[in-house]
C-alpha atoms as a PDB file:
ATOM      1  CA  UNK A   1     137.203 108.408  57.589  1.00  0.00           C
ATOM      2  CA  UNK A   2     138.027 111.345  56.259  1.00  0.00           C
ATOM      3  CA  UNK A   3     136.031 113.702  58.639  1.00  0.00           C
ATOM      4  CA  UNK A   4     137.715 111.994  60.970  1.00  0.00           C
ATOM      5  CA  UNK A   5     141.442 112.348  60.036  1.00  0.00           C
ATOM      6  CA  UNK A   6     140.327 116.080  59.136  1.00  0.00           C
ATOM      7  CA  UNK A   7     139.390 116.912  62.922  1.00  0.00           C
ATOM      8  CA  UNK A   8     142.781 115.820  64.032  1.00  0.00           C
ATOM      9  CA  UNK A   9     145.041 117.706  60.878  1.00  0.00           C
ATOM     10  CA  UNK A  10     145.482 118.271  57.187  1.00  0.00           C
ATOM     11  CA  UNK A  11     145.986 115.220  54.549  1.00  0.00           C
ATOM     12  CA  UNK A  12     148.306 115.977  51.678  1.00  0.00           C
ATOM     13  CA  UNK A  13     148.798 112.492  49.716  1.00  0.00           C
ATOM     14  CA  UNK A  14     151.896 112.839  47.599  1.00  0.00           C
ATOM     15  CA  UNK A  15     151.524 112.757  44.058  1.00  0.00           C
ATOM     16  CA  UNK A  16     154.483 111.296  41.377  1.00  0.00           C
ATOM     17  CA  UNK A  17     155.640 108.841  44.478  1.00  0.00           C
ATOM     18  CA  UNK A  18     155.876 111.500  46.478  1.00  0.00           C
ATOM     19  CA  UNK A  19     155.852 111.209  50.322  1.00  0.00           C
ATOM     20  CA  UNK A  20     152.411 111.961  51.300  1.00  0.00           C
ATOM     21  CA  UNK A  21     152.283 114.725  54.279  1.00  0.00           C
ATOM     22  CA  UNK A  22     149.989 115.556  57.155  1.00  0.00           C
ATOM     23  CA  UNK A  23     149.883 118.687  59.283  1.00  0.00           C
ATOM     24  CA  UNK A  24     148.481 118.296  62.587  1.00  0.00           C
ATOM     25  CA  UNK A  25     145.651 120.855  64.416  1.00  0.00           C
ATOM     26  CA  UNK A  26     147.750 122.594  66.954  1.00  0.00           C
ATOM     27  CA  UNK A  27     145.485 121.465  69.579  1.00  0.00           C
ATOM     28  CA  UNK A  28     146.439 118.356  68.256  1.00  0.00           C
ATOM     29  CA  UNK A  29     150.159 119.371  68.291  1.00  0.00           C
ATOM     30  CA  UNK A  30     149.894 120.415  71.854  1.00  0.00           C
ATOM     31  CA  UNK A  31     147.953 117.355  73.137  1.00  0.00           C
ATOM     32  CA  UNK A  32     151.380 114.991  71.330  1.00  0.00           C
ATOM     33  CA  UNK A  33     153.341 117.419  73.214  1.00  0.00           C
ATOM     34  CA  UNK A  34     151.663 116.351  76.793  1.00  0.00           C
ATOM     35  CA  UNK A  35     151.961 112.684  76.117  1.00  0.00           C
ATOM     36  CA  UNK A  36     155.622 112.988  74.623  1.00  0.00           C
ATOM     37  CA  UNK A  37     156.755 114.371  77.903  1.00  0.00           C
ATOM     38  CA  UNK A  38     154.830 112.017  80.056  1.00  0.00           C
ATOM     39  CA  UNK A  39     156.082 109.257  78.059  1.00  0.00           C
ATOM     40  CA  UNK A  40     159.554 111.027  78.555  1.00  0.00           C
ATOM     41  CA  UNK A  41     158.628 111.032  82.432  1.00  0.00           C
ATOM     42  CA  UNK A  42     157.994 107.328  82.483  1.00  0.00           C
ATOM     43  CA  UNK A  43     161.824 106.588  80.609  1.00  0.00           C
ATOM     44  CA  UNK A  44     163.643 108.274  83.226  1.00  0.00           C
ATOM     45  CA  UNK A  45     161.342 106.692  86.546  1.00  0.00           C
ATOM     46  CA  UNK A  46     162.334 103.949  85.144  1.00  0.00           C
ATOM     47  CA  UNK A  47     166.305 103.929  83.882  1.00  0.00           C
ATOM     48  CA  UNK A  48     168.317 104.202  86.715  1.00  0.00           C
ATOM     49  CA  UNK A  49     171.142 105.619  84.251  1.00  0.00           C
ATOM     50  CA  UNK A  50     168.496 108.530  83.324  1.00  0.00           C
ATOM     51  CA  UNK A  51     168.421 109.501  87.275  1.00  0.00           C
ATOM     52  CA  UNK A  52     171.994 109.417  87.951  1.00  0.00           C
ATOM     53  CA  UNK A  53     173.003 111.351  85.051  1.00  0.00           C
ATOM     54  CA  UNK A  54     169.907 113.832  85.552  1.00  0.00           C
ATOM     55  CA  UNK A  55     168.543 114.111  81.633  1.00  0.00           C
ATOM     56  CA  UNK A  56     165.564 115.799  81.689  1.00  0.00           C
ATOM     57  CA  UNK A  57     162.679 113.439  80.596  1.00  0.00           C
ATOM     58  CA  UNK A  58     161.851 116.167  77.799  1.00  0.00           C
ATOM     59  CA  UNK A  59     165.290 115.924  75.884  1.00  0.00           C
ATOM     60  CA  UNK A  60     164.522 111.591  76.175  1.00  0.00           C
ATOM     61  CA  UNK A  61     161.214 111.490  75.171  1.00  0.00           C
ATOM     62  CA  UNK A  62     161.235 114.672  72.524  1.00  0.00           C
ATOM     63  CA  UNK A  63     164.566 112.457  71.077  1.00  0.00           C
ATOM     64  CA  UNK A  64     162.533 109.485  70.927  1.00  0.00           C
ATOM     65  CA  UNK A  65     159.674 111.030  69.297  1.00  0.00           C
ATOM     66  CA  UNK A  66     162.506 113.022  66.338  1.00  0.00           C
ATOM     67  CA  UNK A  67     163.817 109.845  66.436  1.00  0.00           C
ATOM     68  CA  UNK A  68     160.268 108.037  65.773  1.00  0.00           C
ATOM     69  CA  UNK A  69     159.108 111.057  62.308  1.00  0.00           C
ATOM     70  CA  UNK A  70     162.463 110.584  60.591  1.00  0.00           C
ATOM     71  CA  UNK A  71     161.919 106.869  60.407  1.00  0.00           C
ATOM     72  CA  UNK A  72     157.912 107.837  59.795  1.00  0.00           C
ATOM     73  CA  UNK A  73     159.758 110.306  56.536  1.00  0.00           C
ATOM     74  CA  UNK A  74     162.720 108.577  55.308  1.00  0.00           C
ATOM     75  CA  UNK A  75     160.700 105.099  54.772  1.00  0.00           C
ATOM     76  CA  UNK A  76     158.200 107.120  53.243  1.00  0.00           C
ATOM     77  CA  UNK A  77     155.561 106.176  55.296  1.00  0.00           C
ATOM     78  CA  UNK A  78     154.248 109.507  55.793  1.00  0.00           C
ATOM     79  CA  UNK A  79     155.884 112.770  57.025  1.00  0.00           C
ATOM     80  CA  UNK A  80     154.380 114.160  59.316  1.00  0.00           C
ATOM     81  CA  UNK A  81     154.256 118.156  60.729  1.00  0.00           C
ATOM     82  CA  UNK A  82     152.899 119.949  63.672  1.00  0.00           C
ATOM     83  CA  UNK A  83     151.683 123.753  64.113  1.00  0.00           C
ATOM     84  CA  UNK A  84     153.541 125.458  65.961  1.00  0.00           C
ATOM     85  CA  UNK A  85     151.365 128.482  66.367  1.00  0.00           C
ATOM     86  CA  UNK A  86     150.399 127.382  69.663  1.00  0.00           C
ATOM     87  CA  UNK A  87     153.947 127.774  71.354  1.00  0.00           C
ATOM     88  CA  UNK A  88     153.614 131.331  69.503  1.00  0.00           C
ATOM     89  CA  UNK A  89     150.469 132.002  71.232  1.00  0.00           C
ATOM     90  CA  UNK A  90     151.261 130.770  74.874  1.00  0.00           C
ATOM     91  CA  UNK A  91     154.659 132.972  74.758  1.00  0.00           C
ATOM     92  CA  UNK A  92     152.903 135.613  73.645  1.00  0.00           C
ATOM     93  CA  UNK A  93     150.279 135.368  76.463  1.00  0.00           C
ATOM     94  CA  UNK A  94     152.619 134.802  79.256  1.00  0.00           C
ATOM     95  CA  UNK A  95     155.030 137.193  78.184  1.00  0.00           C
ATOM     96  CA  UNK A  96     151.925 139.476  78.150  1.00  0.00           C
ATOM     97  CA  UNK A  97     150.006 138.820  81.069  1.00  0.00           C
ATOM     98  CA  UNK A  98     152.711 140.159  84.169  1.00  0.00           C
ATOM     99  CA  UNK A  99     155.153 142.611  82.766  1.00  0.00           C
ATOM    100  CA  UNK A 100     157.639 144.411  85.171  1.00  0.00           C
ATOM    101  CA  UNK A 101     157.455 148.572  84.149  1.00  0.00           C
ATOM    102  CA  UNK A 102     160.073 150.817  86.232  1.00  0.00           C
ATOM    103  CA  UNK A 103     159.446 148.378  89.466  1.00  0.00           C
ATOM    104  CA  UNK A 104     155.757 148.133  89.260  1.00  0.00           C
ATOM    105  CA  UNK A 105     154.182 144.591  88.049  1.00  0.00           C
ATOM    106  CA  UNK A 106     151.298 146.179  84.716  1.00  0.00           C
ATOM    107  CA  UNK A 107     149.115 143.395  84.297  1.00  0.00           C
ATOM    108  CA  UNK A 108     147.685 143.285  81.376  1.00  0.00           C
ATOM    109  CA  UNK A 109     143.287 142.265  80.750  1.00  0.00           C
ATOM    110  CA  UNK A 110     142.532 139.294  79.041  1.00  0.00           C
ATOM    111  CA  UNK A 111     140.252 140.364  76.523  1.00  0.00           C
ATOM    112  CA  UNK A 112     143.703 143.223  75.645  1.00  0.00           C
ATOM    113  CA  UNK A 113     145.718 139.931  74.863  1.00  0.00           C
ATOM    114  CA  UNK A 114     143.230 137.560  72.723  1.00  0.00           C
ATOM    115  CA  UNK A 115     142.770 141.226  70.503  1.00  0.00           C
ATOM    116  CA  UNK A 116     146.291 141.242  69.949  1.00  0.00           C
ATOM    117  CA  UNK A 117     147.088 137.306  69.220  1.00  0.00           C
ATOM    118  CA  UNK A 118     144.055 136.972  66.924  1.00  0.00           C
END
């Protein structure tokens, strides 16, 4: 069971009555983000009020997911955190892939990007 749990992240048990913590790995965090956004789309699609006021799906699902995580931590069940390196890496790749330089579009090879990110 520990091997399966370690595949998704790292668990740190709480000492002296403290809440245990679990940090999900970056790919698992990305998977959770995708699931949360798809859940938000489903909620907005089924709600006339949310569609009427044009509330975005990520806002609704992010709010619900944040409340769920806060309840887990507040009740002392488990403190959950997510590795955010994936968003930093993808932002670096997106900003370096195609840049405007003096009216020219300069595209960098992927090898240079992966060397700078790692």
